[in-house]
Structure formats: C-alpha cells, structure tokens
Amino acid sequence: MALKIIDHGSVEYRQMIRLRDDILRRPLGLSFSQEELDKEKEEILIGAFEDDKMLGCCMLVKEDPRVIRLRQMAVSNNLQGKGVGRALMQFAENIARDRGFYTLMMHARKTAVGFYERLGYEITGSEFEEVTIPHFVMEKKLR
C-alpha cells in the first residue's frame, strides 16, 4: 500500500471524490457542491493506493497555527478493519507533526469514535449533529 499527498484536480483527486461520495455522502442522501470541492484546493489531500486504485483517503485542514483538522476520512467498504484507516491516520499525523502542528482534531461520526479512541484520540465535547448524523469533537496531541 502506498500513501501519498495528492493534487487537487488530478486523476487521483477524482478517485477521492468518488470514494468519499460512495462512503460518506450518498448513503446520507447528500452530494458535493462545486463550491465545496473548489475550497479543497488549499487542503492537504491524502490517499492510500494499491497500484492505481484508491483504497482510502482523508484530508487535513489548517484551523490555526497549532491545530489541524482531519476531514473526509473514507475507506472502501470491503477494506474497513484491514489497517487502511490506521495507516492513513499515522501518515496524516506525521504530516501534521512535520508541518509544525501540535494538535490534530476532527468531527468524528459517533460510529467511528471507537476507531479513533484506539489511535489515542479523546472526545473533547458533547455530541452534536452534522450532515444529519451524531458526531463528537475528538483531539490528539501530536507533541
């Protein structure tokens, strides 16, 4: 499995949009707007690949000089529980640390809280609803 930063607008980025749509949006009856996708030009886009096939993805968004936010974490349904998500998280944490961030935070779906807790993340706030489903803010100190 190869992990890498991908370029906005590339063939790999189009794979990323399809995977996120399949896993995160379509099951909720949602889709991406062009405006949402255009904003991603500034984000750190990360993909996990086997040959040219995307297995999973996520992105990092700068919140402030010390905090970076994980968004849009998605792994192909048939590969969940096989280490792709863990590898993506370790890669994302290393990128964040290398770029000088102290904290990685996210809005984690309630169904994914256990996964993130096993990686050292802690819930830091009350449950809230986002994209029609329950979420929690979770954080991990990187330094």
Protein backbone atom coordinates (compact mmCIF):
# COMPACT_ATOMS: atom_id res chain seq x y z
CA MET A 1 0.00 0.00 0.00
CA ALA A 2 1.31 3.43 -0.96
CA LEU A 3 0.35 6.55 0.99
CA LYS A 4 0.79 9.95 -0.60
CA ILE A 5 -0.34 13.55 -0.84
CA ILE A 6 -2.41 14.03 -3.97
CA ASP A 7 -3.01 17.10 -6.11
CA HIS A 8 -6.36 18.84 -6.33
CA GLY A 9 -7.87 18.29 -9.77
CA SER A 10 -5.74 15.21 -10.58
CA VAL A 11 -7.00 11.76 -11.62
CA GLU A 12 -6.29 10.64 -8.04
CA TYR A 13 -8.37 13.55 -6.70
CA ARG A 14 -11.30 12.47 -8.87
CA GLN A 15 -10.97 8.96 -7.36
CA MET A 16 -11.00 10.61 -3.93
CA ILE A 17 -14.25 12.44 -4.69
CA ARG A 18 -15.88 9.19 -5.90
CA LEU A 19 -14.78 7.26 -2.80
CA ARG A 20 -15.96 9.99 -0.41
CA ASP A 21 -19.24 10.25 -2.28
CA ASP A 22 -19.77 6.45 -2.12
CA ILE A 23 -18.84 6.09 1.57
CA LEU A 24 -19.71 9.39 3.22
CA ARG A 25 -22.30 11.30 1.20
CA ARG A 26 -24.57 9.14 -0.94
CA PRO A 27 -25.65 6.86 1.97
CA LEU A 28 -26.99 10.03 3.66
CA GLY A 29 -28.69 11.30 0.50
CA LEU A 30 -26.08 14.08 0.17
CA SER A 31 -23.69 15.16 -2.57
CA PHE A 32 -20.80 17.58 -3.02
CA SER A 33 -21.28 21.08 -4.39
CA GLN A 34 -18.70 22.50 -6.77
CA GLU A 35 -18.09 25.27 -4.22
CA GLU A 36 -17.20 22.68 -1.55
CA LEU A 37 -14.77 20.94 -3.91
CA ASP A 38 -13.19 24.24 -5.02
CA LYS A 39 -12.38 25.06 -1.36
CA GLU A 40 -10.31 21.87 -1.16
CA LYS A 41 -7.55 23.42 -3.29
CA GLU A 42 -5.97 24.69 -0.07
CA GLU A 43 -6.20 21.40 1.85
CA ILE A 44 -3.68 18.59 2.28
CA LEU A 45 -5.27 15.71 0.34
CA ILE A 46 -4.12 12.21 1.27
CA GLY A 47 -4.73 8.89 -0.47
CA ALA A 48 -3.89 5.24 0.16
CA PHE A 49 -3.36 3.25 -3.04
CA GLU A 50 -2.76 -0.28 -4.25
CA ASP A 51 -1.33 0.14 -7.74
CA ASP A 52 -3.57 2.89 -9.16
CA LYS A 53 -6.67 2.03 -7.12
CA MET A 54 -7.59 4.26 -4.18
CA LEU A 55 -8.23 2.26 -1.01
CA GLY A 56 -8.89 5.15 1.34
CA CYS A 57 -8.46 8.88 1.77
CA CYS A 58 -8.64 11.83 4.12
CA MET A 59 -7.71 15.48 4.18
CA LEU A 60 -6.11 17.92 6.58
CA VAL A 61 -7.36 21.48 7.02
CA LYS A 62 -5.44 24.14 8.93
CA GLU A 63 -7.58 25.53 11.76
CA ASP A 64 -4.94 27.79 13.31
CA PRO A 65 -1.11 27.78 13.55
CA ARG A 66 -1.17 24.96 16.14
CA VAL A 67 -4.27 22.93 15.21
CA ILE A 68 -5.04 20.95 12.07
CA ARG A 69 -8.35 19.21 11.39
CA LEU A 70 -8.91 15.80 9.82
CA ARG A 71 -11.85 15.71 7.40
CA GLN A 72 -13.50 13.31 4.98
CA MET A 73 -11.85 10.09 6.19
CA ALA A 74 -13.12 7.25 3.99
CA VAL A 75 -12.02 3.66 3.37
CA SER A 76 -13.59 1.33 0.80
CA ASN A 77 -16.30 -0.76 2.45
CA ASN A 78 -14.62 -4.08 1.64
CA LEU A 79 -11.34 -2.90 3.24
CA GLN A 80 -12.62 -1.48 6.53
CA GLY A 81 -10.97 -3.16 9.50
CA LYS A 82 -7.91 -4.20 7.46
CA GLY A 83 -5.46 -1.46 8.53
CA VAL A 84 -6.01 1.09 5.76
CA GLY A 85 -7.59 3.65 8.11
CA ARG A 86 -4.86 3.17 10.72
CA ALA A 87 -2.15 3.67 8.06
CA LEU A 88 -3.89 6.81 6.75
CA MET A 89 -4.12 8.23 10.29
CA GLN A 90 -0.44 7.57 11.04
CA PHE A 91 0.55 9.19 7.73
CA ALA A 92 -1.72 12.21 8.40
CA GLU A 93 -0.34 12.60 11.94
CA ASN A 94 3.25 12.51 10.63
CA ILE A 95 2.46 15.17 8.01
CA ALA A 96 0.79 17.37 10.63
CA ARG A 97 3.71 16.95 13.04
CA ASP A 98 6.27 17.63 10.29
CA ARG A 99 4.43 20.86 9.41
CA GLY A 100 4.58 22.08 13.00
CA PHE A 101 1.07 21.39 14.27
CA TYR A 102 0.56 20.46 17.91
CA THR A 103 -2.98 19.05 17.81
CA LEU A 104 -4.96 17.02 15.31
CA MET A 105 -8.73 17.37 15.78
CA MET A 106 -11.81 16.13 13.96
CA HIS A 107 -15.57 15.89 13.96
CA ALA A 108 -15.85 12.11 14.28
CA ARG A 109 -19.01 10.24 13.42
CA LYS A 110 -20.34 8.53 16.54
CA THR A 111 -19.95 5.16 14.80
CA ALA A 112 -16.20 5.82 14.33
CA VAL A 113 -15.37 7.01 17.87
CA GLY A 114 -14.00 3.60 18.94
CA PHE A 115 -11.62 3.51 15.96
CA TYR A 116 -10.18 6.92 16.84
CA GLU A 117 -10.00 6.15 20.56
CA ARG A 118 -7.84 3.09 19.77
CA LEU A 119 -5.45 5.51 18.00
CA GLY A 120 -5.17 7.77 21.06
CA TYR A 121 -7.87 10.37 20.32
CA GLU A 122 -10.12 11.69 23.06
CA ILE A 123 -13.64 13.15 22.92
CA THR A 124 -13.44 16.82 23.90
CA GLY A 125 -17.07 17.93 23.69
CA SER A 126 -20.72 16.97 23.71
CA GLU A 127 -22.44 15.02 20.96
CA PHE A 128 -23.77 17.18 18.10
CA GLU A 129 -25.41 16.59 14.74
CA GLU A 130 -23.61 17.22 11.45
CA VAL A 131 -24.68 16.03 7.98
CA THR A 132 -27.77 14.53 9.67
CA ILE A 133 -25.84 12.14 11.99
CA PRO A 134 -24.30 12.27 15.52
CA HIS A 135 -20.67 13.41 15.83
CA PHE A 136 -18.15 14.22 18.55
CA VAL A 137 -15.14 16.55 18.50
CA MET A 138 -12.05 14.44 19.10
CA GLU A 139 -8.42 15.51 19.55
CA LYS A 140 -4.94 14.12 19.92
CA LYS A 141 -1.81 15.98 20.96
CA LEU A 142 0.97 15.39 18.42
CA ARG A 143 3.84 16.79 20.50
